[in-house]
Protein backbone atom coordinates (compact mmCIF):
# COMPACT_ATOMS: atom_id res chain seq x y z
CA MET A 1 0.25 -0.14 0.02
CA LYS A 2 2.86 2.78 1.43
CA LYS A 3 4.70 1.92 -2.74
CA THR A 4 1.13 2.29 -4.40
CA ALA A 5 1.09 5.58 -2.56
CA VAL A 6 4.55 6.56 -3.61
CA LEU A 7 4.21 5.76 -7.03
CA CYS A 8 0.94 7.59 -7.44
CA SER A 9 2.53 10.69 -5.38
CA LEU A 10 5.14 10.20 -8.22
CA LEU A 11 3.08 9.62 -11.21
CA LEU A 12 0.46 13.16 -9.96
CA ILE A 13 4.16 15.24 -9.94
CA MET A 14 5.60 14.26 -13.10
CA LEU A 15 1.65 14.76 -14.61
CA VAL A 16 2.08 18.49 -13.00
CA ALA A 17 5.18 19.14 -14.04
CA CYS A 18 4.74 18.00 -17.58
CA LYS A 19 1.68 20.53 -17.76
CA GLN A 20 3.19 23.79 -16.50
CA GLU A 21 3.35 26.40 -19.30
CA PRO A 22 6.67 28.07 -19.96
CA LEU A 23 8.03 30.62 -18.12
CA ASN A 24 8.52 32.95 -20.67
CA PRO A 25 5.28 33.14 -23.03
CA VAL A 26 6.76 34.22 -26.14
CA ILE A 27 9.44 31.81 -26.75
CA GLY A 28 9.09 30.20 -29.97
CA ALA A 29 8.15 31.03 -33.32
CA TRP A 30 4.98 32.68 -34.23
CA ASP A 31 3.56 33.74 -37.82
CA LEU A 32 2.15 37.40 -38.69
CA PHE A 33 -1.02 37.60 -39.34
CA TYR A 34 -2.74 41.02 -39.03
CA ALA A 35 -0.65 45.12 -38.60
CA LYS A 36 -1.90 47.86 -38.28
CA GLN A 37 -0.39 50.89 -38.22
CA VAL A 38 -2.35 54.29 -36.92
CA VAL A 39 -1.02 58.00 -37.29
CA ASN A 40 -2.94 61.29 -35.81
CA ASP A 41 -6.28 58.73 -35.22
CA SER A 42 -6.11 57.61 -38.77
CA VAL A 43 -5.45 54.25 -40.02
CA VAL A 44 -2.42 54.76 -42.49
CA ALA A 45 -1.72 50.64 -42.80
CA ILE A 46 -3.39 46.99 -42.48
CA TYR A 47 -1.50 44.28 -42.63
CA PRO A 48 -3.06 41.76 -44.87
CA ASP A 49 -4.82 44.40 -46.72
CA THR A 50 -2.40 47.89 -47.40
CA TYR A 51 -0.08 44.98 -48.11
CA GLN A 52 0.11 41.69 -48.64
CA GLY A 53 2.99 39.44 -48.06
CA SER A 54 4.81 36.94 -44.60
CA GLN A 55 6.26 37.15 -41.91
CA VAL A 56 7.94 35.35 -38.87
CA LYS A 57 9.08 36.47 -35.70
CA MET A 58 11.36 33.95 -33.01
CA TRP A 59 12.21 34.85 -29.30
CA CYS A 60 14.46 32.22 -27.47
CA ASN A 61 15.53 33.41 -23.68
CA ASN A 62 17.26 36.52 -24.22
CA TYR A 63 16.75 37.35 -28.14
CA TRP A 64 14.95 37.57 -31.10
CA MET A 65 14.60 37.94 -34.66
CA PHE A 66 12.14 38.02 -37.70
CA VAL A 67 12.04 37.63 -41.27
CA GLY A 68 9.74 38.66 -44.09
CA GLN A 69 8.79 39.69 -47.48
CA TYR A 70 5.59 42.25 -48.24
CA LYS A 71 4.26 43.58 -52.14
CA GLN A 72 2.56 47.19 -52.15
CA ASP A 73 1.28 47.47 -55.30
CA THR A 74 4.12 46.28 -57.45
CA ILE A 75 7.09 46.82 -54.81
CA ILE A 76 8.21 44.04 -53.24
CA SER A 77 10.46 44.73 -49.93
CA GLU A 78 12.07 42.45 -47.18
CA SER A 79 12.03 42.70 -43.80
CA TYR A 80 14.23 41.33 -40.76
CA GLY A 81 15.56 42.38 -38.12
CA GLY A 82 16.95 41.09 -34.24
CA GLY A 83 18.67 42.08 -30.98
CA SER A 84 18.49 41.02 -27.42
CA TYR A 85 14.65 41.73 -25.30
CA THR A 86 13.97 41.90 -21.71
CA LEU A 87 9.89 40.66 -20.64
CA GLU A 88 8.48 42.19 -17.21
CA GLY A 89 4.40 40.83 -17.11
CA ILE A 90 3.32 43.02 -20.43
CA VAL A 91 6.51 45.21 -21.08
CA TYR A 92 8.81 44.43 -23.11
CA LYS A 93 11.76 45.76 -24.66
CA GLU A 94 13.53 44.93 -27.51
CA THR A 95 17.03 46.31 -28.26
CA ILE A 96 17.85 45.90 -32.04
CA GLU A 97 21.23 44.54 -33.17
CA TYR A 98 20.56 44.71 -36.97
CA HIS A 99 17.58 45.70 -39.20
CA VAL A 100 16.78 45.95 -42.42
CA THR A 101 16.39 49.79 -42.13
CA GLY A 102 20.15 50.94 -40.23
CA ASP A 103 18.55 53.91 -38.42
CA PHE A 104 16.86 51.23 -35.87
CA ILE A 105 20.03 49.32 -35.36
CA GLY A 106 21.29 50.57 -31.79
CA LYS A 107 17.69 51.82 -30.55
CA THR A 108 15.38 50.07 -27.80
CA LEU A 109 11.78 49.90 -28.47
CA ARG A 110 9.27 49.28 -25.48
CA MET A 111 5.88 47.84 -26.69
CA ARG A 112 3.45 46.35 -24.87
CA ILE A 113 3.16 42.20 -25.54
CA VAL A 114 0.80 40.05 -24.86
CA VAL A 115 -0.01 35.86 -25.35
CA ALA A 116 -3.22 34.38 -24.71
CA ASN A 117 -3.19 30.97 -25.88
CA ASP A 118 -1.47 30.76 -29.30
CA THR A 119 -2.29 34.14 -30.11
CA LEU A 120 0.22 37.29 -29.68
CA ILE A 121 0.06 40.94 -29.69
CA GLN A 122 2.57 43.90 -29.79
CA VAL A 123 1.78 46.93 -29.89
CA TRP A 124 4.26 50.29 -29.19
CA PRO A 125 5.15 52.58 -28.63
CA ALA A 126 4.35 52.18 -24.71
CA ASP A 127 5.04 53.61 -21.78
CA GLU A 128 6.52 51.92 -18.20
CA THR A 129 3.73 50.46 -17.76
CA GLY A 130 2.49 48.86 -21.02
CA GLU A 131 -0.29 51.42 -21.63
CA VAL A 132 -0.18 52.94 -25.92
CA ASP A 133 -1.07 56.31 -27.04
CA LYS A 134 -4.47 54.96 -28.87
CA SER A 135 -3.94 57.50 -31.46
CA ASN A 136 -0.29 56.46 -32.69
CA TYR A 137 0.69 53.10 -32.76
CA TRP A 138 1.55 50.43 -34.79
CA SER A 139 0.47 46.91 -33.46
CA GLU A 140 1.13 43.11 -34.47
CA LYS A 141 -1.07 39.80 -34.30
CA TYR A 142 0.72 36.81 -34.20
CA VAL A 143 -0.42 32.99 -34.44
CA ARG A 144 2.15 30.41 -32.53
CA VAL A 145 3.96 28.27 -35.80
CA LYS A 146 2.85 24.63 -34.43
């Protein structure tokens, strides 16, 4: 009886350990399915409406990167970047170490990032608490790559 109780306890511990969510919910690969840019309360760009293409963004413990290609009218453009990041609650900061647009290199962007199930939403710029100016922002929505 004692062996059975110990065995059941170990089995329960293993099951609970296997079901735990990762400590960092952004880790993994994510496929962009929607993006929107708002400037002075006006929507200036929407993906996949104003432009088409694809983008994947990936995170590991301390680093992020993205790569994509877009088409707007007849113009095709490449998109890539990467660097390091920190995540504290919903406040996410990424420091750009390489980017298709050289002016971004060395900058740190603060964003609001929320992960719910297999959806990740990031919005920027954000303040120290993760609040965003609803009149001027860029948002991206991703689905986890399985």
